[in-house]
Protein backbone atom coordinates (compact mmCIF):
# COMPACT_ATOMS: atom_id res chain seq x y z
CA MET A 1 162.43 293.90 7.54
CA PHE A 2 163.17 290.22 6.91
CA SER A 3 160.77 287.41 7.83
CA VAL A 4 162.69 284.84 9.87
CA HIS A 5 161.74 281.32 10.94
CA LEU A 6 163.99 279.97 13.69
CA GLY A 7 163.70 276.23 14.40
CA LEU A 8 165.16 274.39 17.40
CA ASP A 9 165.17 270.78 18.61
CA ASP A 10 166.97 268.22 20.80
CA THR A 11 168.54 270.34 23.53
CA ASP A 12 167.39 268.32 26.56
CA SER A 13 168.15 264.97 28.17
CA GLU A 14 166.83 262.82 31.00
CA GLU A 15 169.10 264.79 33.32
CA GLY A 16 167.73 268.23 32.59
CA MET A 17 166.91 271.22 30.36
CA CYS A 18 163.83 271.51 28.14
CA THR A 19 163.78 272.77 24.57
CA THR A 20 160.67 274.84 25.28
CA TYR A 21 162.54 276.55 28.12
CA LEU A 22 165.61 277.20 25.98
CA ILE A 23 163.46 278.78 23.27
CA THR A 24 162.07 281.19 25.90
CA ILE A 25 165.64 282.16 26.85
CA ILE A 26 166.28 282.92 23.17
CA LEU A 27 162.93 284.72 22.94
CA GLN A 28 163.74 286.86 25.97
CA LYS A 29 166.94 288.06 24.28
CA LEU A 30 165.35 288.57 20.86
CA LEU A 31 162.55 290.74 22.25
CA LYS A 32 165.23 293.19 23.39
CA GLU A 33 166.31 293.54 19.75
CA GLU A 34 164.32 295.28 17.01
CA THR A 35 162.01 292.36 16.33
CA ILE A 36 158.29 291.86 15.68
CA MET A 37 156.77 288.51 16.62
CA LEU A 38 154.58 287.15 13.81
CA ASP A 39 153.15 284.27 15.83
CA TYR A 40 153.16 282.72 19.25
CA PRO A 41 156.17 280.43 19.67
CA ASN A 42 155.22 277.24 17.81
CA LEU A 43 155.51 273.94 19.69
CA ILE A 44 155.42 271.04 17.24
CA ARG A 45 155.08 267.44 18.43
CA LEU A 46 156.64 265.03 15.95
CA ASN A 47 156.00 261.32 15.24
CA PRO A 48 155.68 259.82 18.75
CA ASN A 49 156.54 256.33 17.53
CA ILE A 50 160.19 257.10 16.75
CA PRO A 51 162.29 255.22 19.36
CA TRP A 52 165.13 257.79 19.32
CA LYS A 53 162.80 260.76 19.86
CA THR A 54 163.73 263.44 22.38
CA ARG A 55 162.26 263.30 25.89
CA GLY A 56 159.23 265.44 25.08
CA ASN A 57 159.34 264.83 21.32
CA ALA A 58 158.76 268.56 20.76
CA ALA A 59 160.46 270.88 18.29
CA LEU A 60 160.11 274.67 18.48
CA CYS A 61 159.90 277.55 16.03
CA LEU A 62 159.97 281.33 16.44
CA ARG A 63 158.52 283.35 13.56
CA LEU A 64 159.47 287.03 13.55
CA LYS A 65 160.57 290.07 11.57
CA THR A 66 163.98 291.67 11.96
CA ASN A 67 166.40 293.97 10.17
CA ASN A 68 169.35 291.82 11.18
CA PRO A 69 168.83 288.06 10.66
CA ASN A 70 172.53 287.31 11.20
CA ARG A 71 172.43 288.82 14.69
CA ILE A 72 169.27 286.84 15.48
CA PHE A 73 170.98 283.60 14.50
CA LYS A 74 174.13 284.47 16.45
CA ILE A 75 172.12 285.14 19.64
CA ALA A 76 170.21 281.87 19.27
CA LYS A 77 173.38 279.89 18.51
CA ASN A 78 175.15 281.25 21.58
CA CYS A 79 172.18 280.24 23.76
CA VAL A 80 172.24 276.70 22.37
CA ILE A 81 175.98 276.40 23.01
CA LYS A 82 175.60 277.73 26.56
CA TYR A 83 172.45 275.93 27.75
CA SER A 84 171.90 272.80 25.64
CA GLU A 85 172.61 269.36 27.09
CA SER A 86 174.81 268.86 24.01
CA ARG A 87 177.59 270.51 25.97
CA LYS A 88 177.58 267.39 28.17
CA GLY A 89 177.33 265.05 25.19
CA LYS A 90 173.74 264.11 26.11
CA ALA A 91 171.83 265.79 23.25
CA ASN A 92 172.14 266.29 19.49
CA SER A 93 170.95 269.87 19.17
CA GLY A 94 169.84 271.45 15.91
CA LEU A 95 169.21 275.13 15.13
CA ILE A 96 167.97 276.30 11.72
CA MET A 97 167.15 279.76 10.36
CA LEU A 98 165.08 280.29 7.22
CA CYS A 99 164.72 283.83 5.86
CA SER A 100 161.57 283.79 3.76
CA LYS A 101 158.12 285.35 3.89
CA GLN A 102 156.54 282.03 2.97
CA VAL A 103 157.73 278.59 4.00
CA PRO A 104 158.59 276.63 0.81
CA ASN A 105 156.30 273.68 -0.01
CA GLU A 106 159.26 271.29 0.05
CA ILE A 107 159.86 272.13 3.73
CA LYS A 108 156.13 271.82 4.50
CA LYS A 109 156.09 268.32 2.96
CA PHE A 110 159.16 267.41 4.99
CA ALA A 111 157.33 268.50 8.16
CA ILE A 112 154.35 266.30 7.29
CA LYS A 113 156.63 263.31 6.78
CA CYS A 114 158.13 263.92 10.23
CA LEU A 115 154.66 263.34 11.70
CA TYR A 116 154.13 259.97 10.03
CA GLU A 117 157.47 258.30 9.36
CA SER A 118 161.14 257.96 10.27
CA VAL A 119 163.26 260.58 8.49
CA LYS A 120 166.97 260.36 7.65
CA ILE A 121 169.48 263.21 7.97
CA SER A 122 170.36 262.71 4.29
CA GLU A 123 166.82 263.85 3.36
CA LEU A 124 167.33 266.97 5.45
CA LYS A 125 170.64 267.81 3.76
CA GLN A 126 169.05 267.74 0.32
CA ILE A 127 166.55 270.40 1.39
CA ILE A 128 169.14 272.55 3.19
CA ASP A 129 171.35 272.54 0.09
CA SER A 130 168.49 273.72 -2.14
CA HIS A 131 167.39 276.65 0.04
CA GLU A 132 169.06 279.60 1.72
CA ILE A 133 169.17 278.07 5.18
CA GLU A 134 171.62 278.75 7.97
CA TYR A 135 172.08 275.98 10.51
CA PHE A 136 174.07 274.84 13.52
CA GLY A 137 174.20 271.29 14.84
CA GLN A 138 175.87 269.45 17.69
CA GLY A 139 176.61 265.76 18.26
CA THR A 140 174.97 263.69 15.53
CA LYS A 141 173.02 266.83 14.52
CA ARG A 142 169.80 264.81 14.51
CA GLY A 143 168.06 267.80 16.10
CA LEU A 144 168.24 269.54 12.73
CA ILE A 145 165.45 267.23 11.53
CA GLY A 146 163.04 268.45 14.21
CA ALA A 147 164.19 272.05 13.79
CA LEU A 148 163.31 272.02 10.08
CA ALA A 149 160.05 270.16 10.76
CA ALA A 150 159.04 272.88 13.25
CA ILE A 151 159.66 275.53 10.59
CA GLY A 152 157.68 273.56 8.01
CA ASN A 153 154.63 272.93 10.21
CA THR A 154 152.90 276.32 10.15
CA LEU A 155 149.84 275.02 12.06
CA SER A 156 147.61 276.13 9.20
CA SER A 157 144.75 273.82 10.19
CA ASP A 158 143.59 272.70 13.63
CA HIS A 159 145.79 273.84 16.52
CA THR A 160 145.70 274.37 20.27
CA TYR A 161 147.54 276.44 22.87
CA GLU A 162 149.76 275.51 25.78
CA LEU A 163 150.81 277.75 28.65
CA ILE A 164 153.98 276.50 30.30
CA GLY A 165 155.09 277.81 33.69
CA TYR A 166 158.76 277.33 34.54
CA ARG A 167 160.22 276.92 38.01
CA LYS A 168 163.56 277.94 39.47
CA ASN A 169 164.26 274.55 41.02
CA ASN A 170 164.78 271.70 38.55
CA ASN A 171 164.50 268.90 41.10
CA GLY A 172 161.75 267.47 43.28
CA GLU A 173 157.98 267.31 42.97
CA ARG A 174 156.04 270.17 41.45
CA GLY A 175 154.40 272.49 43.95
CA VAL A 176 150.89 272.52 42.50
CA SER A 177 147.77 272.00 44.62
CA LEU A 178 145.53 269.11 43.50
CA THR A 179 142.46 270.92 44.87
CA SER A 180 143.22 274.02 42.79
CA VAL A 181 143.71 271.92 39.64
CA ILE A 182 140.29 270.29 40.13
CA LYS A 183 138.67 273.70 40.66
CA MET A 184 140.47 275.15 37.64
CA ASP A 185 139.45 272.20 35.47
CA LYS A 186 135.76 272.56 36.33
CA CYS A 187 135.81 276.34 35.74
CA THR A 188 137.64 276.14 32.39
CA GLU A 189 136.32 272.84 31.00
CA LEU A 190 135.05 274.55 27.84
CA SER A 191 138.43 276.09 27.00
CA THR A 192 141.06 273.69 28.42
CA PHE A 193 141.58 269.92 28.29
CA ASN A 194 143.45 267.07 29.98
CA ASN A 195 144.16 268.87 33.23
CA ILE A 196 143.40 265.88 35.44
CA ASP A 197 142.45 262.22 35.04
CA TYR A 198 139.42 261.61 37.25
CA ASN A 199 139.85 257.84 36.88
CA ASN A 200 142.79 257.99 39.27
CA TYR A 201 142.87 261.68 40.27
CA ARG A 202 146.24 262.08 38.64
CA ILE A 203 147.30 265.65 37.81
CA LEU A 204 148.16 265.83 34.10
CA ILE A 205 149.52 269.38 33.93
CA THR A 206 152.67 268.58 35.93
CA PRO A 207 155.56 266.55 34.47
CA HIS A 208 157.77 264.30 36.56
CA GLY A 209 161.26 264.63 35.09
CA ARG A 210 164.28 266.69 36.07
CA ASP A 211 163.46 269.77 34.06
CA PRO A 212 162.39 273.40 34.60
CA ILE A 213 158.68 272.89 33.80
CA CYS A 214 156.36 273.35 36.79
CA PHE A 215 153.06 273.01 34.91
CA ALA A 216 151.71 272.99 31.36
CA ILE A 217 148.06 273.87 30.66
CA ARG A 218 146.55 272.92 27.29
CA GLY A 219 143.52 274.60 25.77
CA ASN A 220 141.65 275.82 22.72
CA ASN A 221 142.62 279.48 23.05
CA SER A 222 145.25 281.67 24.68
CA LYS A 223 142.78 283.46 26.97
CA GLY A 224 141.55 280.17 28.39
CA VAL A 225 144.99 278.84 29.32
CA TYR A 226 145.99 282.17 30.88
CA LYS A 227 142.82 282.26 32.98
CA ALA A 228 143.49 278.68 34.06
CA MET A 229 146.99 279.60 35.23
CA THR A 230 145.67 282.38 37.46
CA MET A 231 143.49 279.83 39.27
CA LEU A 232 146.34 277.53 40.31
CA GLU A 233 147.58 277.41 43.88
CA LEU A 234 151.37 277.04 43.78
CA TYR A 235 153.82 276.10 46.50
CA GLU A 236 156.93 277.17 44.61
CA PRO A 237 157.88 280.36 42.71
CA ILE A 238 157.47 280.59 38.95
CA GLU A 239 160.45 282.07 37.12
CA ARG A 240 158.64 282.69 33.80
CA PHE A 241 155.76 281.53 31.62
CA ALA A 242 155.03 281.45 27.90
CA ILE A 243 152.06 280.58 25.71
CA PHE A 244 152.75 278.38 22.69
CA ARG A 245 150.63 277.62 19.64
CA THR A 246 150.84 273.89 19.03
CA ASN A 247 149.57 270.77 17.27
CA GLN A 248 148.93 268.99 20.59
CA GLY A 249 145.48 267.48 20.98
CA THR A 250 144.83 267.47 17.22
CA ASN A 251 145.58 263.85 16.14
CA GLU A 252 147.77 265.38 13.43
CA HIS A 253 150.00 262.28 13.42
CA LEU A 254 147.06 259.97 12.67
CA LYS A 255 145.67 261.64 9.53
CA ASN A 256 147.81 259.43 7.30
CA LYS A 257 145.97 256.40 5.87
CA LEU A 258 148.23 253.36 6.21
CA ASP A 259 148.97 251.28 3.12
CA LEU A 260 148.82 247.70 4.41
CA ASN A 261 150.90 246.56 1.44
CA GLN A 262 153.78 248.84 2.42
CA LEU A 263 153.83 249.12 6.20
CA LYS A 264 157.03 250.54 7.68
CA SER A 265 158.34 250.37 11.21
CA PHE A 266 157.51 253.47 13.30
CA GLN A 267 154.83 254.70 10.87
CA SER A 268 151.85 256.54 12.34
CA GLY A 269 148.39 256.53 10.80
CA TYR A 270 145.01 254.82 10.60
CA THR A 271 143.19 252.10 8.71
CA ASN A 272 139.64 250.78 8.31
CA GLY A 273 138.62 247.15 8.31
CA ILE A 274 136.62 244.25 9.69
CA ILE A 275 137.40 242.32 12.87
CA ASN A 276 138.66 239.01 11.45
CA LYS A 277 138.39 236.91 14.60
CA LYS A 278 137.46 237.26 18.25
CA PRO A 279 139.89 239.48 20.24
CA VAL A 280 142.48 237.68 22.37
CA THR A 281 143.57 238.78 25.85
CA LYS A 282 147.11 237.77 26.75
CA ARG A 283 149.26 237.79 29.86
CA GLY A 284 149.46 241.24 31.43
CA GLY A 285 145.95 242.15 30.28
CA HIS A 286 146.96 243.25 26.79
CA VAL A 287 144.30 242.77 24.08
CA PHE A 288 145.13 241.79 20.49
CA LEU A 289 142.93 242.29 17.43
CA GLU A 290 143.18 240.97 13.90
CA ILE A 291 141.68 243.34 11.35
CA LYS A 292 141.08 242.53 7.68
CA SER A 293 141.14 245.29 5.08
CA LYS A 294 141.05 244.60 1.34
CA ASN A 295 142.25 241.02 1.86
CA LYS A 296 145.17 242.22 3.97
CA ILE A 297 145.54 241.50 7.70
CA ILE A 298 146.87 243.96 10.26
CA ASN A 299 147.44 242.92 13.87
CA CYS A 300 146.66 245.48 16.55
CA ALA A 301 147.59 245.69 20.23
CA ILE A 302 145.80 247.53 23.03
CA TYR A 303 147.93 247.63 26.15
CA ALA A 304 146.83 247.39 29.77
CA PRO A 305 147.26 251.11 30.71
CA SER A 306 144.68 252.03 28.04
CA ILE A 307 141.96 250.86 30.43
CA THR A 308 138.78 252.04 28.68
CA LEU A 309 140.09 251.17 25.22
CA LYS A 310 141.02 247.68 26.39
CA LYS A 311 137.52 247.05 27.78
CA VAL A 312 135.93 248.04 24.48
CA ALA A 313 138.36 245.96 22.42
CA ARG A 314 137.49 242.81 24.38
CA LYS A 315 133.81 243.23 23.46
CA LEU A 316 134.37 243.42 19.72
CA GLU A 317 133.10 240.50 17.62
CA LYS A 318 134.10 238.97 14.32
CA GLY A 319 132.50 241.03 11.54
CA ASP A 320 132.45 244.38 13.37
CA SER A 321 133.53 247.31 11.18
CA VAL A 322 136.15 249.56 12.80
CA GLU A 323 138.73 252.26 12.23
CA VAL A 324 141.93 252.10 14.28
CA GLY A 325 144.78 254.58 14.59
CA GLY A 326 148.25 254.23 16.05
CA GLY A 327 151.89 253.47 15.34
CA ILE A 328 153.60 250.47 13.74
CA ARG A 329 155.88 248.57 16.11
CA ARG A 330 159.05 247.17 14.58
CA ARG A 331 159.14 243.44 13.85
CA SER A 332 161.45 241.36 16.07
CA LYS A 333 162.41 237.69 16.43
CA LYS A 334 159.70 237.22 19.05
CA HIS A 335 157.04 239.62 17.75
CA LYS A 336 155.58 240.36 14.35
CA ARG A 337 154.92 243.87 13.10
CA ILE A 338 151.91 245.25 14.92
CA LEU A 339 149.85 248.43 15.27
CA ASN A 340 150.02 249.89 18.77
CA THR A 341 146.47 251.20 18.96
CA GLU A 342 145.73 254.77 20.11
CA TYR A 343 142.02 254.87 19.30
CA ILE A 344 139.19 252.67 18.07
CA LYS A 345 136.25 254.03 16.10
CA ILE A 346 133.41 251.54 15.75
CA ASN A 347 131.59 252.10 12.46
CA ASN A 348 129.16 249.18 12.59
CA LEU A 349 128.39 246.29 14.92
CA VAL A 350 127.21 242.88 13.75
CA GLN A 351 124.22 241.23 15.39
CA LYS A 352 125.22 238.79 18.09
CA THR A 353 122.96 235.76 18.49
CA ILE A 354 122.89 232.68 20.66
CA ILE A 355 121.17 229.35 20.01
CA ILE A 356 118.53 228.42 22.58
CA LYS A 357 118.58 224.68 23.22
CA PRO A 358 115.13 223.14 22.62
CA ILE A 359 113.00 221.48 25.32
CA CYS A 360 112.14 217.81 24.84
CA LYS A 361 108.38 217.66 24.19
CA LYS A 362 108.12 214.31 25.91
CA CYS A 363 110.34 214.77 28.99
CA GLN A 364 110.24 218.56 29.27
CA LYS A 365 114.02 218.52 29.74
CA THR A 366 116.59 220.72 27.99
CA MET A 367 118.15 218.82 25.11
CA LYS A 368 121.90 218.75 24.43
CA SER A 369 123.79 219.45 21.20
CA ILE A 370 125.14 216.43 19.33
CA GLY A 371 127.49 218.44 17.10
CA TYR A 372 127.70 221.36 14.71
CA LYS A 373 124.59 221.38 12.48
CA LYS A 374 123.68 217.88 13.71
CA GLY A 375 120.85 218.95 15.97
CA PHE A 376 119.96 218.09 19.58
CA LYS A 377 119.22 215.00 21.63
CA CYS A 378 117.29 214.40 24.84
CA LYS A 379 119.50 212.93 27.56
CA LYS A 380 116.58 210.96 29.03
CA CYS A 381 114.60 209.54 26.13
CA SER A 382 117.13 209.99 23.28
CA ILE A 383 114.63 211.77 20.99
CA LYS A 384 116.46 213.90 18.40
CA THR A 385 115.50 217.17 16.72
CA LYS A 386 117.06 219.83 14.55
CA GLU A 387 114.69 222.53 15.72
CA SER A 388 116.18 225.40 17.73
CA LYS A 389 115.68 229.11 18.31
CA LYS A 390 118.09 232.00 17.94
CA ASN A 391 118.01 234.96 20.29
CA THR A 392 119.61 238.30 19.48
CA ILE A 393 121.79 239.56 22.32
CA LYS A 394 122.12 243.27 22.98
CA ARG A 395 125.71 244.35 22.40
CA GLU A 396 127.51 245.89 25.38
CA ILE A 397 129.21 248.51 23.21
CA LYS A 398 127.92 251.05 20.70
CA SER A 399 129.19 252.63 17.51
CA GLY A 400 131.42 255.64 18.12
CA LEU A 401 134.90 256.78 19.08
CA TYR A 402 136.83 255.24 21.97
CA LEU A 403 140.03 256.61 23.51
CA PRO A 404 142.38 255.56 26.32
CA ILE A 405 141.90 257.24 29.70
CA PRO A 406 143.44 260.76 29.74
CA SER A 407 146.58 259.72 31.65
CA ALA A 408 147.33 257.13 28.92
CA GLN A 409 146.86 259.57 26.04
CA ARG A 410 149.75 261.03 24.08
CA HIS A 411 150.47 264.74 23.64
CA LEU A 412 149.07 264.59 20.11
CA THR A 413 145.95 262.57 21.00
CA LYS A 414 142.78 264.52 20.31
CA PRO A 415 140.68 264.32 23.49
CA SER A 416 136.96 263.67 23.22
CA ASN A 417 136.00 267.19 24.36
CA ARG A 418 137.89 268.77 21.43
CA TYR A 419 135.75 267.16 18.73
CA GLY A 420 133.63 269.90 17.18
CA LYS A 421 135.90 272.62 18.65
CA GLU A 422 138.66 272.57 16.05
CA ASN A 423 140.59 275.81 15.45
CA HIS A 424 140.58 276.63 11.75
CA LYS A 425 140.82 280.42 11.95
CA ILE A 426 144.45 281.42 12.13
CA LYS A 427 145.07 284.53 14.22
CA ASN A 428 148.78 284.25 14.72
CA LYS A 429 149.93 287.46 16.35
CA PRO A 430 150.39 287.11 20.11
CA LYS A 431 147.87 289.07 22.16
CA GLY A 432 147.52 289.92 25.83
CA MET A 433 149.79 288.42 28.47
CA TRP A 434 151.55 285.63 26.57
CA PHE A 435 155.14 285.80 27.86
CA LYS A 436 156.64 287.06 31.10
CA VAL A 437 159.87 286.69 33.06
CA PHE A 438 159.49 287.40 36.78
C-alpha cells in the first residue's frame, strides 16, 4: 500500500463552508474505500498575522494508506469542486497529494516558515516541481500554500486535540447550553482548555459565523474531548463530529526568535529585552512599550481587549527585563512597524524607590524640592538641605508569564493550564470514537 498525505486549504468564505467540514466529507468517502488512517485528521493553524489568511486560518491534512492514490485524489478533487466556496469565486482552494512514507525535510521547512512569515506562491512551485506531488488549485491557488504546509507539519512535538461537532443548519446562533458548558468545563478542566471565559461568561467553544460548526472542544487528549462532548446540552441536532490532532494551544508560531535587525511585516516570534522607558497609555486604552535589546529598539502594542495583559503592561518600569511574543504589524504612513503583543513574560523587576521629602528640623514642616539634585528648602524659614531618604516600594506585579483573557487569545496561544502538560509522545493512530456521521 502507498502512504498518502492529502493537504487542503482555503475552501471557505465569510458566507459559508468550513475547510474542516469539507475534509470530513472527503474522509467519509475515503473510509468507504480500501484505506487505513495513519493519524487523526491534522488541523494546522498557520501564521495568524497574515492579513489575507482564511477565515479560520486552518489548513488540513489526511494521512493514510491506500492501494489506489489516484482514486483518492480524484475523490478529494471532486469534493473540492462541488463544495468549496471557490465555485462562487469567494475562495482560492488548494488540494495537494504527496505519496511518500516520510515527509521530505524541504516540505517540513516550508511548513515551519508558514508559521512565522509570509510565503509566496513562487516558493511553493519550486518545491512542487522538485517532488512527485499532485495538486489542484482554484482562483489564485493561494490555498496550495496552506495545503502543503499542512502536509509538512507532522505535529512531531507538542500537540493538542479538537473535537468539532457540525450542525445541519448553517445560520443562526448555536444551540449550546451555557450551564452545560460550565459544568463540562469544571468536570474536564484537567483535560480540556478554553471552553469558557469566566471574566465575561462568554462561551468559547461556539463560533459565530455562517458555517456548519456547532461547537469545537479543545483538549490534551482525544478521550477528554470526547467525554466533554457527551456532557453538552444541545438545542439543535448534530450532523457529524470528528476529532482532529492539531497545533492549537501550543504557541508554535511564537518559537521563532525575532532578529531586530531584519524585522519583516507579518512575522511572528519573540524577543527578550529591557523596558527602555515608562509604558504609555493612549486613546482607546491601548498600551505601548519600548523594549531595548542589544542596542536595538522594538515598539510593542497591547490592545484594549487584552484586559489582563494591558493591566500588567501599565505597571512595568524602565529597567524591567521581559520577553514578549507576537506579530509584526506592517509600517504605514501613520504608524511605524510594531509588535502586536500576545504575551509578556517578566524575567526580572527593578527596585522601585521614592524619595521621602525631609522635615525641617526648625519648623517641623515638610520641605519642598528646589530642583533635580539641588536638595530641599523649607517654605517657612528657607533653610536648605540635601538630606533625604529613599523608600523601596513593593511592586504590584511579579515575575512570570502573563496572557490575555481567554476570549482574547488566538487559536495558537498556549493557555496557562497547558504549561507542564505538553504532548511529546506521538500516538497517531485514531482510537475509540473519533469520527461519526449521524
